[in-house]
Amino acid sequence: MTGLFVILAIVLVVLYFNDAWRSLERARKVARDLCARAGVQFLDSSVVQKGVRIVRGGRWGLMLARTYRFEFATDGQSRHSGEITLRGRRVRVASMDLPEGGRVLDGETRARDPGESTR
């Protein structure tokens, strides 16, 4: 019986890390596309997870909401930050702190990723 719990725990850990990796790749793609649309340079291809929390929604009533931070440059020298919030793998909010004034792009109105479910 203990062996079953150990195997179940290992499977859950693997599923969590796989989901975290896929969400990070999704956030990296969203940040790259967002920077291209805004006409700024996406720096270092780095997207860093800022936080994760459990929220209502999804197939089973609960899902993970992850917040990521990325950096970009408007002139190639000064760094500015942006933030992406994903619920599951759907973009909830993507925002960038532009020097000439903030600009927020709502993820709910973005076109879906071809690999994303339409549910």
Protein backbone atom coordinates (compact mmCIF):
# COMPACT_ATOMS: atom_id res chain seq x y z
CA MET A 1 0.00 0.00 0.00
CA THR A 2 2.85 2.41 0.82
CA GLY A 3 4.41 1.67 -2.57
CA LEU A 4 1.18 2.79 -4.23
CA PHE A 5 1.28 6.13 -2.40
CA VAL A 6 4.93 6.64 -3.38
CA ILE A 7 4.15 5.96 -7.04
CA LEU A 8 1.13 8.28 -6.91
CA ALA A 9 3.24 11.03 -5.31
CA ILE A 10 5.92 10.64 -7.99
CA VAL A 11 3.31 10.79 -10.76
CA LEU A 12 1.78 13.96 -9.27
CA VAL A 13 5.19 15.63 -8.98
CA VAL A 14 6.03 14.75 -12.60
CA LEU A 15 2.66 16.06 -13.80
CA TYR A 16 3.15 19.32 -11.87
CA PHE A 17 6.63 19.94 -13.29
CA ASN A 18 5.47 19.06 -16.81
CA ASP A 19 2.60 21.54 -16.49
CA ALA A 20 4.94 24.19 -15.07
CA TRP A 21 7.38 23.71 -17.98
CA ARG A 22 4.58 23.93 -20.59
CA SER A 23 3.18 27.07 -18.93
CA LEU A 24 6.65 28.65 -18.91
CA GLU A 25 7.04 27.92 -22.64
CA ARG A 26 3.60 29.42 -23.28
CA ALA A 27 4.52 32.56 -21.29
CA ARG A 28 7.81 32.86 -23.21
CA LYS A 29 5.95 32.69 -26.54
CA VAL A 30 3.37 35.25 -25.39
CA ALA A 31 6.13 37.62 -24.20
CA ARG A 32 8.02 37.28 -27.50
CA ASP A 33 4.84 37.94 -29.52
CA LEU A 34 3.82 40.84 -27.28
CA CYS A 35 7.23 42.49 -27.70
CA ALA A 36 7.11 42.00 -31.47
CA ARG A 37 3.65 43.61 -31.67
CA ALA A 38 4.77 46.53 -29.50
CA GLY A 39 7.93 47.02 -31.58
CA VAL A 40 10.34 46.53 -28.68
CA GLN A 41 13.22 44.12 -28.10
CA PHE A 42 12.53 41.05 -25.95
CA LEU A 43 15.63 40.77 -23.72
CA ASP A 44 17.49 37.59 -22.90
CA SER A 45 14.52 35.39 -23.80
CA SER A 46 14.04 35.26 -20.06
CA VAL A 47 10.69 34.79 -18.46
CA VAL A 48 10.68 34.28 -14.70
CA GLN A 49 7.83 32.88 -12.64
CA LYS A 50 6.80 35.45 -10.08
CA GLY A 51 4.06 33.50 -8.35
CA VAL A 52 1.56 30.67 -8.51
CA ARG A 53 -1.80 30.31 -6.81
CA ILE A 54 -4.91 28.15 -6.96
CA VAL A 55 -8.02 29.82 -8.40
CA ARG A 56 -11.55 28.71 -9.24
CA GLY A 57 -12.27 27.49 -12.74
CA GLY A 58 -11.16 24.71 -15.00
CA ARG A 59 -12.51 21.23 -15.50
CA TRP A 60 -12.40 20.19 -11.84
CA GLY A 61 -13.33 23.52 -10.27
CA LEU A 62 -9.75 24.55 -9.44
CA MET A 63 -6.81 25.54 -11.59
CA LEU A 64 -3.39 27.14 -11.25
CA ALA A 65 -2.85 30.81 -12.04
CA ARG A 66 0.78 31.65 -12.70
CA THR A 67 2.32 35.10 -12.98
CA TYR A 68 5.49 35.62 -15.02
CA ARG A 69 7.80 38.61 -15.40
CA PHE A 70 9.89 39.46 -18.46
CA GLU A 71 12.14 42.30 -19.59
CA PHE A 72 12.28 44.30 -22.80
CA ALA A 73 14.07 47.36 -24.18
CA THR A 74 12.68 50.18 -26.27
CA ASP A 75 16.05 51.68 -27.24
CA GLY A 76 18.41 48.74 -26.73
CA GLN A 77 19.87 50.13 -23.48
CA SER A 78 17.24 50.74 -20.82
CA ARG A 79 15.38 47.76 -19.38
CA HIS A 80 11.66 47.77 -18.73
CA SER A 81 9.47 45.05 -17.31
CA GLY A 82 6.31 43.33 -18.35
CA GLU A 83 4.03 40.82 -16.69
CA ILE A 84 1.92 37.91 -17.92
CA THR A 85 -0.74 36.09 -15.93
CA LEU A 86 -1.87 32.68 -17.14
CA ARG A 87 -4.87 30.74 -15.86
CA GLY A 88 -4.11 27.23 -16.94
CA ARG A 89 -2.45 28.02 -20.25
CA ARG A 90 -4.80 30.83 -21.23
CA VAL A 91 -3.47 34.36 -21.08
CA ARG A 92 -5.49 36.30 -18.54
CA VAL A 93 -3.55 39.58 -18.62
CA ALA A 94 -0.36 40.71 -20.32
CA SER A 95 1.04 44.13 -19.48
CA MET A 96 4.13 46.16 -20.30
CA ASP A 97 5.53 49.24 -18.52
CA LEU A 98 6.42 51.47 -21.46
CA PRO A 99 8.43 54.63 -20.73
CA GLU A 100 5.90 56.87 -22.48
CA GLY A 101 3.04 55.48 -20.41
CA GLY A 102 1.75 52.11 -19.36
CA ARG A 103 -0.02 49.87 -21.80
CA VAL A 104 -2.10 46.87 -20.82
CA LEU A 105 -3.20 44.22 -23.28
CA ASP A 106 -6.01 41.97 -22.13
CA GLY A 107 -5.32 38.32 -22.87
CA GLU A 108 -9.00 37.40 -23.12
CA THR A 109 -9.29 39.29 -26.43
CA ARG A 110 -6.13 37.82 -27.99
CA ALA A 111 -6.32 35.24 -30.72
CA ARG A 112 -5.98 31.71 -29.44
CA ASP A 113 -2.78 29.78 -29.82
CA PRO A 114 -3.25 27.04 -32.49
CA GLY A 115 -2.41 24.35 -29.92
CA GLU A 116 -4.77 25.74 -27.29
CA SER A 117 -8.07 24.07 -26.49
CA THR A 118 -11.21 26.02 -27.42
CA ARG A 119 -13.18 25.04 -24.28
